[in-house]
N, C-alpha and C. Protein backbone atom coordinates (compact mmCIF):
# COMPACT_ATOMS: atom_id res chain seq x y z
N UNK A 1 78.97 -67.64 107.24
CA UNK A 1 77.59 -67.21 106.94
C UNK A 1 76.59 -68.37 106.78
N UNK A 2 75.00 -68.07 107.82
CA UNK A 2 74.20 -69.30 107.59
C UNK A 2 72.76 -68.77 106.71
N UNK A 3 72.55 -69.86 106.11
CA UNK A 3 71.62 -69.82 104.56
C UNK A 3 70.60 -68.48 105.06
N UNK A 4 70.32 -68.26 105.98
CA UNK A 4 69.13 -67.17 106.69
C UNK A 4 69.83 -65.66 106.29
N UNK A 5 70.88 -65.65 106.89
CA UNK A 5 71.90 -64.58 106.98
C UNK A 5 71.65 -64.45 105.59
N UNK A 6 72.49 -64.65 104.54
CA UNK A 6 73.01 -64.04 103.31
C UNK A 6 71.26 -64.12 102.79
N UNK A 7 70.34 -64.70 103.01
CA UNK A 7 69.07 -64.87 102.42
C UNK A 7 68.72 -62.67 102.86
N UNK A 8 68.47 -62.73 104.23
CA UNK A 8 68.29 -61.45 104.84
C UNK A 8 68.98 -60.19 104.47
N UNK A 9 70.46 -60.78 104.15
CA UNK A 9 71.67 -59.61 103.20
C UNK A 9 70.47 -59.24 101.73
N UNK A 10 70.99 -60.46 101.05
CA UNK A 10 70.17 -59.81 99.71
C UNK A 10 68.79 -59.62 99.55
N UNK A 11 67.32 -59.48 100.19
CA UNK A 11 66.60 -59.17 100.87
C UNK A 11 66.71 -57.12 101.02
N UNK A 12 67.54 -57.48 101.45
CA UNK A 12 67.73 -56.18 102.12
C UNK A 12 68.56 -55.10 101.53
N UNK A 13 69.61 -56.13 100.29
CA UNK A 13 70.77 -55.06 99.45
C UNK A 13 69.48 -54.98 98.16
N UNK A 14 68.17 -55.71 97.52
CA UNK A 14 66.68 -55.55 97.05
C UNK A 14 66.29 -54.49 97.20
N UNK A 15 65.58 -54.31 98.75
CA UNK A 15 65.11 -53.01 99.04
C UNK A 15 65.88 -51.92 99.01
N UNK A 16 67.41 -51.46 99.69
CA UNK A 16 67.69 -50.67 99.07
C UNK A 16 67.85 -49.85 97.42
N UNK A 17 67.54 -50.69 96.21
CA UNK A 17 68.08 -50.62 95.22
C UNK A 17 66.72 -50.39 94.89
N UNK A 18 65.89 -50.94 95.04
CA UNK A 18 64.37 -50.76 94.44
C UNK A 18 63.86 -48.90 95.14
N UNK A 19 64.45 -48.54 97.09
CA UNK A 19 64.18 -47.73 97.71
C UNK A 19 64.61 -46.74 96.11
N UNK A 20 65.87 -46.62 96.10
CA UNK A 20 66.84 -45.46 95.27
C UNK A 20 66.77 -45.04 93.66
N UNK A 21 65.90 -46.71 93.32
CA UNK A 21 64.92 -45.89 91.76
C UNK A 21 63.83 -45.44 92.06
N UNK A 22 63.04 -45.34 92.90
CA UNK A 22 61.84 -44.94 92.83
C UNK A 22 61.74 -43.76 93.51
N UNK A 23 63.11 -42.96 94.60
CA UNK A 23 62.99 -41.69 94.81
C UNK A 23 62.88 -40.50 93.70
N UNK A 24 62.66 -39.88 93.78
CA UNK A 24 61.30 -38.79 93.00
C UNK A 24 62.28 -37.46 93.20
N UNK A 25 62.84 -36.62 91.85
CA UNK A 25 63.03 -35.85 92.17
C UNK A 25 62.00 -34.70 91.75
N UNK A 26 62.53 -33.26 91.63
CA UNK A 26 61.44 -32.10 91.14
C UNK A 26 61.83 -31.64 89.56
N UNK A 27 60.75 -31.58 89.38
CA UNK A 27 60.39 -31.42 87.81
C UNK A 27 60.36 -29.88 88.05
N UNK A 28 60.59 -28.41 87.59
CA UNK A 28 60.26 -27.07 88.12
C UNK A 28 59.64 -26.69 86.73
N UNK A 29 58.62 -25.79 86.26
CA UNK A 29 58.16 -25.06 85.29
C UNK A 29 58.00 -24.06 85.94
N UNK A 30 58.86 -22.28 85.78
CA UNK A 30 58.62 -21.39 85.63
C UNK A 30 57.95 -20.28 84.84
N UNK A 31 57.02 -19.46 84.65
CA UNK A 31 56.27 -18.61 84.12
C UNK A 31 57.30 -17.02 83.67
N UNK A 32 58.12 -17.72 82.51
CA UNK A 32 58.52 -16.29 82.56
C UNK A 32 57.71 -15.68 81.40
N UNK A 33 56.26 -15.57 80.97
CA UNK A 33 55.35 -14.72 79.78
C UNK A 33 55.46 -13.74 80.50
N UNK A 34 56.33 -13.07 81.30
CA UNK A 34 55.93 -11.16 81.92
C UNK A 34 54.34 -11.25 81.88
N UNK A 35 53.47 -10.82 81.21
CA UNK A 35 51.94 -10.29 80.66
C UNK A 35 50.99 -11.98 81.59
N UNK A 36 50.90 -13.11 80.82
CA UNK A 36 50.43 -14.45 80.92
C UNK A 36 50.85 -14.92 81.87
N UNK A 37 49.25 -15.58 82.26
CA UNK A 37 48.74 -16.79 82.58
C UNK A 37 49.87 -18.05 82.60
N UNK A 38 49.74 -18.96 83.05
CA UNK A 38 49.65 -20.31 82.34
C UNK A 38 48.81 -21.48 83.12
N UNK A 39 48.07 -21.58 81.71
CA UNK A 39 46.66 -22.41 82.94
C UNK A 39 46.47 -23.63 82.30
N UNK A 40 47.71 -24.68 81.93
CA UNK A 40 48.11 -26.17 81.93
C UNK A 40 49.15 -26.36 82.14
N UNK A 41 49.67 -27.60 82.01
CA UNK A 41 50.91 -28.06 82.52
C UNK A 41 50.54 -29.30 82.26
N UNK A 42 51.23 -29.81 81.52
CA UNK A 42 51.87 -31.04 81.53
C UNK A 42 52.94 -31.68 80.93
N UNK A 43 53.12 -32.79 81.73
CA UNK A 43 54.26 -34.34 81.36
C UNK A 43 54.26 -35.25 81.11
N UNK A 44 54.99 -35.68 80.28
CA UNK A 44 54.70 -37.19 79.54
C UNK A 44 55.70 -37.54 79.01
N UNK A 45 56.20 -39.00 79.43
CA UNK A 45 57.80 -39.29 79.64
C UNK A 45 57.42 -40.13 77.98
N UNK A 46 58.70 -40.03 77.25
CA UNK A 46 58.95 -39.50 75.82
C UNK A 46 57.84 -40.95 75.28
N UNK A 47 58.13 -41.90 75.99
CA UNK A 47 57.12 -43.23 75.02
C UNK A 47 56.58 -43.12 75.14
N UNK A 48 55.34 -42.39 75.74
CA UNK A 48 54.06 -41.92 75.62
C UNK A 48 53.61 -41.23 74.75
N UNK A 49 52.14 -41.48 73.65
CA UNK A 49 52.09 -40.83 73.68
C UNK A 49 50.48 -40.18 73.21
N UNK A 50 50.60 -39.80 74.38
CA UNK A 50 49.72 -38.83 75.02
C UNK A 50 49.93 -37.80 76.49
N UNK A 51 49.84 -36.74 76.36
CA UNK A 51 49.88 -35.76 77.37
C UNK A 51 49.52 -36.08 78.72
N UNK A 52 48.35 -36.63 79.33
CA UNK A 52 48.03 -36.52 79.98
C UNK A 52 47.14 -35.84 81.41
N UNK A 53 46.93 -36.37 82.69
CA UNK A 53 46.24 -34.78 83.33
C UNK A 53 47.04 -33.51 83.35
N UNK A 54 46.33 -32.81 82.97
CA UNK A 54 47.21 -31.29 83.32
C UNK A 54 47.38 -30.87 85.06
N UNK A 55 48.90 -30.33 85.49
CA UNK A 55 49.18 -30.70 86.44
C UNK A 55 48.97 -29.67 87.81
N UNK A 56 47.59 -28.57 87.05
CA UNK A 56 47.82 -27.66 87.52
C UNK A 56 45.23 -27.93 87.14
N UNK A 57 45.71 -28.06 88.70
CA UNK A 57 44.26 -28.68 88.85
C UNK A 57 43.21 -27.87 89.37
N UNK A 58 41.96 -27.82 88.91
CA UNK A 58 40.76 -27.21 88.37
C UNK A 58 41.46 -25.42 88.17
N UNK A 59 41.21 -24.45 88.87
CA UNK A 59 41.11 -23.01 87.93
C UNK A 59 42.38 -22.86 88.49
N UNK A 60 43.49 -23.47 88.96
CA UNK A 60 44.93 -23.30 89.57
C UNK A 60 45.37 -22.46 87.94
N UNK A 61 45.85 -21.16 88.32
CA UNK A 61 46.91 -20.94 87.05
C UNK A 61 48.66 -20.50 87.61
N UNK A 62 49.30 -20.37 87.40
CA UNK A 62 50.98 -19.80 87.41
C UNK A 62 50.71 -18.99 86.86
N UNK A 63 51.42 -17.65 88.11
CA UNK A 63 51.35 -16.51 87.32
C UNK A 63 52.51 -16.62 86.83
N UNK A 64 52.94 -15.01 86.13
CA UNK A 64 54.18 -14.93 85.68
C UNK A 64 55.05 -14.86 86.87
N UNK A 65 56.90 -15.37 86.67
CA UNK A 65 57.41 -15.09 88.08
C UNK A 65 57.04 -16.40 88.56
N UNK A 66 56.04 -17.10 88.60
CA UNK A 66 55.55 -18.58 89.64
C UNK A 66 56.57 -19.46 88.73
N UNK A 67 56.31 -20.68 90.06
CA UNK A 67 56.63 -21.59 89.54
C UNK A 67 55.86 -22.73 90.01
N UNK A 68 55.81 -23.71 89.71
CA UNK A 68 54.90 -24.81 89.38
C UNK A 68 56.40 -26.05 89.56
N UNK A 69 56.04 -27.38 91.01
CA UNK A 69 57.07 -28.02 90.85
C UNK A 69 56.41 -29.28 90.73
N UNK A 70 56.81 -30.19 90.12
CA UNK A 70 56.82 -31.74 90.15
C UNK A 70 57.44 -33.06 90.51
N UNK A 71 57.29 -33.74 90.99
CA UNK A 71 58.21 -35.34 91.59
C UNK A 71 58.09 -36.39 90.84
N UNK A 72 59.15 -36.14 90.20
CA UNK A 72 59.14 -37.22 88.45
C UNK A 72 59.88 -38.55 89.33
N UNK A 73 60.00 -39.37 89.08
CA UNK A 73 61.43 -39.99 88.84
C UNK A 73 62.39 -39.79 87.71
N UNK A 74 64.12 -40.19 87.70
CA UNK A 74 64.40 -39.74 87.20
C UNK A 74 64.14 -39.90 85.66
N UNK A 75 64.13 -39.96 84.14
CA UNK A 75 63.80 -40.07 83.00
C UNK A 75 63.54 -39.39 81.59
N UNK A 76 63.38 -39.57 80.91
CA UNK A 76 63.19 -38.78 79.49
C UNK A 76 61.93 -38.45 79.59
N UNK A 77 61.18 -36.82 79.36
CA UNK A 77 60.17 -36.02 79.20
C UNK A 77 59.82 -35.77 78.73
N UNK A 78 58.90 -34.99 77.98
CA UNK A 78 58.19 -34.23 77.59
C UNK A 78 57.49 -33.26 77.66
N UNK A 79 57.57 -32.26 77.61
CA UNK A 79 56.78 -30.77 78.43
C UNK A 79 56.15 -30.11 77.61
N UNK A 80 54.69 -29.70 78.13
CA UNK A 80 54.08 -29.27 77.13
C UNK A 80 53.32 -27.90 78.42
N UNK A 81 53.33 -26.36 78.32
CA UNK A 81 52.57 -25.78 78.87
C UNK A 81 50.91 -24.68 77.79
N UNK A 82 50.52 -24.01 78.53
CA UNK A 82 49.56 -23.86 77.22
C UNK A 82 49.12 -22.49 78.51
N UNK A 83 49.57 -21.18 77.58
CA UNK A 83 48.59 -20.23 78.38
C UNK A 83 47.18 -20.00 78.66
N UNK A 84 47.66 -18.54 79.23
CA UNK A 84 45.81 -18.26 79.10
C UNK A 84 44.69 -17.76 77.70
N UNK A 85 46.58 -17.63 76.66
CA UNK A 85 45.56 -17.07 74.95
C UNK A 85 45.20 -18.31 74.21
N UNK A 86 45.68 -19.84 74.64
CA UNK A 86 45.45 -21.07 74.29
C UNK A 86 47.11 -21.26 73.66
N UNK A 87 47.80 -20.32 73.12
CA UNK A 87 48.87 -20.71 72.87
C UNK A 87 50.20 -22.15 74.09
N UNK A 88 50.49 -22.58 72.98
CA UNK A 88 51.34 -23.59 73.52
C UNK A 88 52.67 -23.30 73.64
N UNK A 89 53.47 -24.11 74.23
CA UNK A 89 55.35 -23.93 74.69
C UNK A 89 56.00 -25.35 74.47
N UNK A 90 56.09 -26.40 74.44
CA UNK A 90 56.47 -27.51 74.13
C UNK A 90 58.11 -27.80 74.28
N UNK A 91 58.44 -28.51 74.66
CA UNK A 91 59.72 -29.11 74.86
C UNK A 91 59.84 -30.52 74.99
N UNK A 92 60.87 -31.28 74.02
CA UNK A 92 60.63 -32.70 74.28
C UNK A 92 62.13 -33.33 74.40
N UNK A 93 62.48 -34.67 74.62
CA UNK A 93 63.00 -35.30 75.11
C UNK A 93 63.96 -34.37 75.78
N UNK A 94 63.70 -34.26 77.78
CA UNK A 94 64.04 -33.65 78.39
C UNK A 94 64.63 -34.75 79.20
N UNK A 95 65.91 -34.80 79.26
CA UNK A 95 66.25 -35.65 80.25
C UNK A 95 67.04 -35.32 81.72
N UNK A 96 66.14 -35.68 82.25
CA UNK A 96 65.61 -34.71 83.61
C UNK A 96 66.38 -36.10 85.30
N UNK A 97 67.70 -35.51 85.51
CA UNK A 97 68.65 -36.44 86.14
C UNK A 97 68.43 -36.19 87.86
N UNK A 98 69.25 -36.61 88.01
CA UNK A 98 69.23 -37.14 90.05
C UNK A 98 68.66 -35.55 90.79
N UNK A 99 69.87 -34.38 90.22
CA UNK A 99 69.31 -33.12 90.75
C UNK A 99 68.38 -32.83 89.85
N UNK A 100 67.47 -32.87 89.24
CA UNK A 100 66.28 -32.43 88.99
C UNK A 100 66.30 -31.97 87.92
N UNK A 101 65.48 -30.29 87.63
CA UNK A 101 65.06 -29.79 85.82
C UNK A 101 64.47 -28.58 86.88
N UNK A 102 64.45 -27.72 86.09
CA UNK A 102 63.69 -26.89 85.84
C UNK A 102 64.11 -25.65 84.36
N UNK A 103 62.74 -25.66 83.93
CA UNK A 103 62.48 -24.45 82.03
C UNK A 103 61.53 -23.95 82.70
N UNK A 104 62.09 -22.08 82.08
CA UNK A 104 61.57 -21.71 82.40
C UNK A 104 60.80 -20.91 81.18
N UNK A 105 59.77 -20.91 80.96
CA UNK A 105 59.27 -20.45 79.90
C UNK A 105 58.98 -19.47 79.88
N UNK A 106 59.16 -18.52 78.34
CA UNK A 106 59.30 -17.60 78.26
C UNK A 106 58.80 -18.12 76.16
N UNK A 107 58.49 -16.47 76.02
CA UNK A 107 57.70 -15.99 74.46
C UNK A 107 58.50 -16.72 73.96
N UNK A 108 60.17 -17.30 73.76
CA UNK A 108 60.73 -17.68 72.19
C UNK A 108 60.82 -18.47 72.88
N UNK A 109 59.85 -19.65 73.78
CA UNK A 109 59.53 -20.88 73.04
C UNK A 109 57.95 -20.90 72.84
N UNK A 110 57.80 -20.43 72.62
CA UNK A 110 55.98 -20.76 71.82
C UNK A 110 56.11 -21.77 70.69
N UNK A 111 54.78 -22.38 70.78
CA UNK A 111 55.12 -23.57 69.48
C UNK A 111 54.52 -22.55 68.41
N UNK A 112 55.37 -22.92 66.86
CA UNK A 112 54.71 -22.09 66.41
C UNK A 112 53.47 -22.96 65.25
N UNK A 113 52.60 -21.84 64.66
CA UNK A 113 51.50 -22.54 64.11
C UNK A 113 51.68 -23.29 63.08
N UNK A 114 52.15 -24.55 62.84
CA UNK A 114 52.23 -25.44 61.72
C UNK A 114 51.41 -25.38 60.71
N UNK A 115 51.26 -25.99 59.37
CA UNK A 115 50.30 -26.18 58.18
C UNK A 115 49.22 -26.60 58.86
N UNK A 116 50.02 -27.89 59.30
CA UNK A 116 49.04 -28.84 59.66
C UNK A 116 47.69 -27.88 60.58
N UNK A 117 47.96 -27.46 61.64
CA UNK A 117 47.03 -26.54 62.66
C UNK A 117 45.93 -25.73 61.98
N UNK A 118 46.73 -25.19 60.79
CA UNK A 118 46.21 -24.23 60.49
C UNK A 118 44.79 -25.36 59.10
N UNK A 119 45.90 -26.22 58.28
CA UNK A 119 44.84 -26.38 58.29
C UNK A 119 43.24 -27.52 58.52
N UNK A 120 43.97 -28.08 60.02
CA UNK A 120 42.75 -28.37 60.16
C UNK A 120 42.06 -27.49 60.81
N UNK A 121 41.35 -26.14 60.81
CA UNK A 121 40.72 -25.27 61.53
C UNK A 121 40.10 -24.14 60.49
N UNK A 122 41.08 -24.51 59.42
CA UNK A 122 40.34 -22.82 59.09
C UNK A 122 39.88 -24.31 57.06
N UNK A 123 40.17 -25.07 56.65
CA UNK A 123 40.01 -26.01 55.47
C UNK A 123 39.73 -26.65 55.82
N UNK A 124 38.79 -27.49 54.34
CA UNK A 124 38.33 -28.83 54.80
C UNK A 124 36.45 -29.01 54.50
N UNK A 125 35.88 -29.59 54.72
CA UNK A 125 34.14 -29.75 54.51
C UNK A 125 34.03 -31.47 55.47
N UNK A 126 34.61 -31.50 56.34
CA UNK A 126 34.46 -32.47 56.85
C UNK A 126 34.03 -31.89 58.46
N UNK A 127 33.21 -32.24 59.15
CA UNK A 127 32.89 -31.95 60.52
C UNK A 127 33.52 -32.47 61.89
N UNK A 128 34.22 -32.54 62.66
CA UNK A 128 34.80 -33.20 63.88
C UNK A 128 33.75 -31.70 64.71
N UNK A 129 32.69 -32.42 65.64
CA UNK A 129 32.35 -32.06 67.11
C UNK A 129 32.32 -32.53 68.43
N UNK A 130 32.42 -31.64 69.49
CA UNK A 130 33.51 -31.83 70.48
C UNK A 130 32.05 -31.53 71.09
N UNK A 131 30.81 -32.16 71.76
CA UNK A 131 30.18 -31.74 73.00
C UNK A 131 30.41 -31.82 74.20
N UNK A 132 30.53 -31.09 75.79
CA UNK A 132 30.74 -31.20 76.57
C UNK A 132 29.58 -31.62 76.94
N UNK A 133 29.75 -33.14 77.75
CA UNK A 133 28.72 -33.68 78.60
C UNK A 133 29.40 -34.33 79.60
N UNK A 134 29.84 -33.75 80.20
CA UNK A 134 30.98 -33.55 81.53
C UNK A 134 29.94 -33.02 82.76
N UNK A 135 28.75 -32.66 82.86
CA UNK A 135 28.37 -32.29 84.17
C UNK A 135 29.10 -31.09 84.37
N UNK A 136 29.53 -30.80 85.15
CA UNK A 136 29.38 -29.86 86.32
C UNK A 136 31.35 -29.74 85.68
N UNK A 137 32.23 -29.86 84.13
CA UNK A 137 33.08 -29.58 84.61
C UNK A 137 33.44 -29.14 83.21
N UNK A 138 33.81 -28.05 82.79
CA UNK A 138 34.20 -27.55 82.00
C UNK A 138 35.07 -28.19 81.26
N UNK A 139 35.34 -27.65 79.55
CA UNK A 139 36.55 -28.16 78.79
C UNK A 139 36.76 -26.63 78.79
N UNK A 140 38.40 -26.82 78.94
CA UNK A 140 39.33 -25.99 78.48
C UNK A 140 40.44 -26.47 77.26
N UNK A 141 40.48 -27.32 76.61
CA UNK A 141 41.62 -27.99 75.82
C UNK A 141 40.59 -28.46 73.98
N UNK A 142 40.75 -28.40 73.42
CA UNK A 142 40.93 -29.38 72.10
C UNK A 142 41.97 -29.41 71.63
N UNK A 143 42.56 -30.60 71.76
CA UNK A 143 43.73 -30.76 70.10
C UNK A 143 43.07 -31.99 69.11
N UNK A 144 43.28 -31.75 68.09
CA UNK A 144 42.89 -32.43 66.52
C UNK A 144 44.19 -32.92 66.20
N UNK A 145 44.71 -34.10 65.76
CA UNK A 145 46.06 -34.22 65.51
C UNK A 145 45.61 -35.27 64.22
N UNK A 146 46.04 -35.85 63.21
CA UNK A 146 46.20 -36.54 62.13
C UNK A 146 46.72 -37.70 62.60
N UNK A 147 46.44 -39.14 62.86
CA UNK A 147 47.08 -40.15 63.34
C UNK A 147 48.24 -40.08 63.17
N UNK A 148 48.20 -39.61 62.10
CA UNK A 148 49.84 -40.68 61.04
C UNK A 148 50.85 -38.83 61.99
N UNK A 149 50.50 -37.54 61.96
CA UNK A 149 51.93 -36.90 63.15
C UNK A 149 51.74 -36.93 64.16
N UNK A 150 52.95 -37.20 65.56
CA UNK A 150 53.13 -37.75 66.13
C UNK A 150 53.12 -36.37 67.53
N UNK A 151 52.28 -35.21 67.32
CA UNK A 151 52.19 -33.98 67.53
C UNK A 151 50.89 -33.09 68.06
N UNK A 152 49.80 -32.72 68.82
CA UNK A 152 49.18 -32.15 68.95
C UNK A 152 49.08 -30.77 68.38
N UNK A 153 49.96 -29.69 68.21
CA UNK A 153 49.73 -29.02 67.95
C UNK A 153 49.53 -28.15 68.69
N UNK A 154 48.23 -26.53 68.12
CA UNK A 154 47.84 -25.98 69.28
C UNK A 154 46.71 -26.08 69.85
N UNK A 155 45.70 -25.94 70.69
CA UNK A 155 44.64 -26.10 71.53
C UNK A 155 43.74 -25.02 70.75
N UNK A 156 42.29 -25.97 70.48
CA UNK A 156 41.67 -25.39 69.19
C UNK A 156 40.98 -24.17 69.74
N UNK A 157 40.52 -24.34 71.12
CA UNK A 157 40.13 -23.49 72.30
C UNK A 157 40.13 -22.35 72.53
N UNK A 158 41.75 -21.73 71.84
CA UNK A 158 43.17 -20.86 72.23
C UNK A 158 42.08 -20.10 73.68
N UNK A 159 42.48 -20.86 74.34
CA UNK A 159 41.90 -19.86 75.20
C UNK A 159 39.51 -20.02 76.61
N UNK A 160 39.16 -20.09 75.22
CA UNK A 160 38.01 -20.30 76.01
C UNK A 160 38.09 -20.95 76.11
N UNK A 161 36.82 -21.77 76.31
CA UNK A 161 35.94 -22.28 77.69
C UNK A 161 34.67 -22.99 77.07
N UNK A 162 34.34 -24.31 76.89
CA UNK A 162 33.65 -25.01 76.85
C UNK A 162 32.29 -25.58 77.91
N UNK A 163 31.47 -24.76 78.07
CA UNK A 163 30.90 -25.37 79.27
C UNK A 163 30.01 -26.26 79.18
N UNK A 164 29.31 -26.88 80.18
CA UNK A 164 28.81 -28.36 80.04
C UNK A 164 27.25 -28.05 79.21
N UNK A 165 27.23 -28.49 77.82
CA UNK A 165 25.79 -28.15 77.01
C UNK A 165 26.56 -28.03 76.06
N UNK A 166 27.71 -27.15 75.44
CA UNK A 166 28.27 -26.44 74.11
C UNK A 166 29.21 -27.56 73.61
N UNK A 167 28.73 -27.03 72.15
CA UNK A 167 29.68 -27.39 71.72
C UNK A 167 30.57 -26.86 70.78
N UNK A 168 31.77 -27.47 69.77
CA UNK A 168 32.48 -26.81 69.59
C UNK A 168 33.05 -27.77 67.99
N UNK A 169 32.86 -26.90 66.94
CA UNK A 169 33.02 -27.27 66.18
C UNK A 169 34.01 -27.57 64.40
N UNK A 170 34.95 -28.20 64.56
CA UNK A 170 36.49 -28.00 63.68
C UNK A 170 35.85 -28.55 62.02
N UNK A 171 35.94 -28.02 61.24
CA UNK A 171 36.54 -28.56 60.14
C UNK A 171 37.55 -28.85 59.00
N UNK A 172 37.53 -30.51 58.85
CA UNK A 172 38.64 -30.41 58.26
C UNK A 172 38.51 -31.28 56.99
N UNK A 173 39.77 -31.95 56.14
CA UNK A 173 39.46 -32.71 55.62
C UNK A 173 39.28 -34.29 56.32
N UNK A 174 38.97 -35.47 55.36
CA UNK A 174 38.97 -36.51 55.47
C UNK A 174 39.94 -36.74 56.00
N UNK A 175 39.98 -38.03 56.82
CA UNK A 175 41.03 -38.77 56.94
C UNK A 175 41.05 -39.34 58.63
N UNK A 176 42.03 -39.71 59.11
CA UNK A 176 42.12 -40.50 60.44
C UNK A 176 42.73 -39.53 61.45
N UNK A 177 42.27 -39.50 62.73
CA UNK A 177 42.03 -38.33 63.69
C UNK A 177 42.19 -39.13 65.01
N UNK A 178 42.44 -38.39 65.81
CA UNK A 178 44.01 -38.40 67.61
C UNK A 178 42.79 -37.50 67.80
N UNK A 179 42.27 -37.95 68.51
CA UNK A 179 41.24 -36.70 69.57
C UNK A 179 41.93 -36.19 71.74
N UNK A 180 42.22 -35.34 71.41
CA UNK A 180 42.21 -34.90 73.07
C UNK A 180 41.51 -34.23 73.97
N UNK A 181 40.66 -34.05 74.84
CA UNK A 181 40.00 -33.50 75.34
C UNK A 181 40.73 -33.14 76.58
N UNK A 182 41.16 -32.45 77.03
CA UNK A 182 41.25 -31.60 78.67
C UNK A 182 40.41 -30.71 79.26
N UNK A 183 39.49 -31.06 80.66
CA UNK A 183 38.85 -30.55 81.52
C UNK A 183 39.73 -29.88 82.40
N UNK A 184 38.72 -28.86 83.27
CA UNK A 184 39.19 -27.84 83.55
C UNK A 184 40.10 -28.39 85.15
N UNK A 185 39.64 -29.83 85.36
CA UNK A 185 40.38 -30.29 86.62
C UNK A 185 41.63 -31.26 86.72
N UNK A 186 41.65 -30.94 85.28
CA UNK A 186 42.63 -31.81 85.06
C UNK A 186 42.69 -32.49 84.16
N UNK A 187 41.44 -33.02 84.00
CA UNK A 187 40.76 -34.61 83.82
C UNK A 187 41.69 -34.34 82.30
N UNK A 188 41.95 -36.23 81.18
CA UNK A 188 42.16 -36.11 79.89
C UNK A 188 41.47 -37.47 79.14
N UNK A 189 41.25 -36.54 77.66
CA UNK A 189 39.88 -37.93 77.37
C UNK A 189 40.65 -38.27 76.29
N UNK A 190 40.82 -38.77 75.38
CA UNK A 190 41.31 -39.33 74.37
C UNK A 190 41.07 -40.80 73.53
N UNK A 191 40.98 -40.01 72.18
CA UNK A 191 40.20 -41.33 71.51
C UNK A 191 40.95 -41.10 69.81
N UNK A 192 41.85 -42.21 69.68
CA UNK A 192 43.17 -42.59 68.32
C UNK A 192 42.14 -43.12 67.01
N UNK A 193 42.69 -43.05 66.06
CA UNK A 193 42.27 -42.61 65.15
C UNK A 193 41.60 -42.91 64.80
N UNK A 194 40.08 -42.25 64.39
CA UNK A 194 39.23 -41.42 64.69
C UNK A 194 38.62 -41.40 62.92
N UNK A 195 38.04 -42.33 62.31
CA UNK A 195 38.38 -42.04 61.02
C UNK A 195 37.27 -41.26 60.19
N UNK A 196 37.57 -39.28 59.67
CA UNK A 196 36.30 -38.77 59.48
C UNK A 196 35.73 -38.49 58.07
N UNK A 197 34.76 -38.66 57.61
CA UNK A 197 34.68 -38.90 56.87
C UNK A 197 33.97 -37.20 56.24
N UNK A 198 32.76 -37.74 55.18
CA UNK A 198 32.27 -36.44 54.67
C UNK A 198 30.83 -36.18 55.67
N UNK A 199 30.79 -37.12 56.61
CA UNK A 199 29.28 -36.85 57.72
C UNK A 199 30.03 -36.72 58.60
N UNK A 200 31.21 -36.52 58.48
CA UNK A 200 31.39 -36.41 59.83
C UNK A 200 31.96 -36.62 61.56
N UNK A 201 32.16 -35.76 62.34
CA UNK A 201 31.96 -37.44 63.12
C UNK A 201 31.60 -36.54 64.98
N UNK A 202 30.88 -36.92 65.55
CA UNK A 202 30.33 -36.43 66.70
C UNK A 202 31.08 -36.89 68.56
N UNK A 203 31.75 -36.49 69.02
CA UNK A 203 32.16 -37.40 70.29
C UNK A 203 31.18 -36.72 71.33
N UNK A 204 30.03 -36.72 72.31
CA UNK A 204 29.96 -36.43 73.53
C UNK A 204 30.94 -36.91 75.00
N UNK A 205 31.32 -35.92 75.14
CA UNK A 205 32.48 -36.75 75.79
C UNK A 205 31.79 -36.68 76.88
N UNK A 206 31.95 -37.55 77.88
CA UNK A 206 30.97 -37.49 79.56
C UNK A 206 32.50 -38.41 79.83
N UNK A 207 32.71 -38.03 81.74
CA UNK A 207 33.03 -38.86 82.41
C UNK A 207 33.16 -40.24 82.19
N UNK A 208 32.43 -41.34 81.66
CA UNK A 208 33.22 -42.43 81.38
C UNK A 208 34.02 -42.22 80.11
N UNK A 209 34.15 -41.35 79.34
CA UNK A 209 35.53 -41.83 78.81
C UNK A 209 37.01 -41.30 79.23
N UNK A 210 36.89 -40.87 80.40
CA UNK A 210 38.38 -39.85 80.68
C UNK A 210 39.56 -41.27 80.45
N UNK A 211 40.57 -40.74 80.12
CA UNK A 211 41.69 -41.90 80.47
C UNK A 211 42.18 -42.44 81.39
């Protein structure tokens, strides 16, 4: 067999192997919340530190009984959805195999409001102010988490909308914080390890801040 033939076989094998690795499978989210719409669907690889974009773009919602399907490569993922009241539902370390995966979100899956989330919203004298300077896009999610905690907790807007020109302020204790913002078009904006002291911190969120 000639060297050229062997080379062709070698590159053909690489192409087949690479194509197989890139094949995507369905990751489905079904709304089993009965009376509540799902407004946001986030999918993140287990090794990532941010959720990324909302997979329900624009004004799309996932009504009860409906299913949204995202094509992903097999691997390990973290999943999070937000309902119309701002409650979150999180499923971590989901192994998506070659047959895909389906998560039916029910009320039993709702995240608990932990003491960290309560402290962020109701205690402290240091203000974090978020100003919407996204021109025509509304902000639908604000997440604030101490930098030493790897979970975002609940959406501070709780289903409310931060319109262009509006501001939201949370009063917290002095520390280092990560801040994540989600707009209605599925865009995300993240700042990490922000030092918040007595004078507080203000973030005028603009399109140039997009992840």
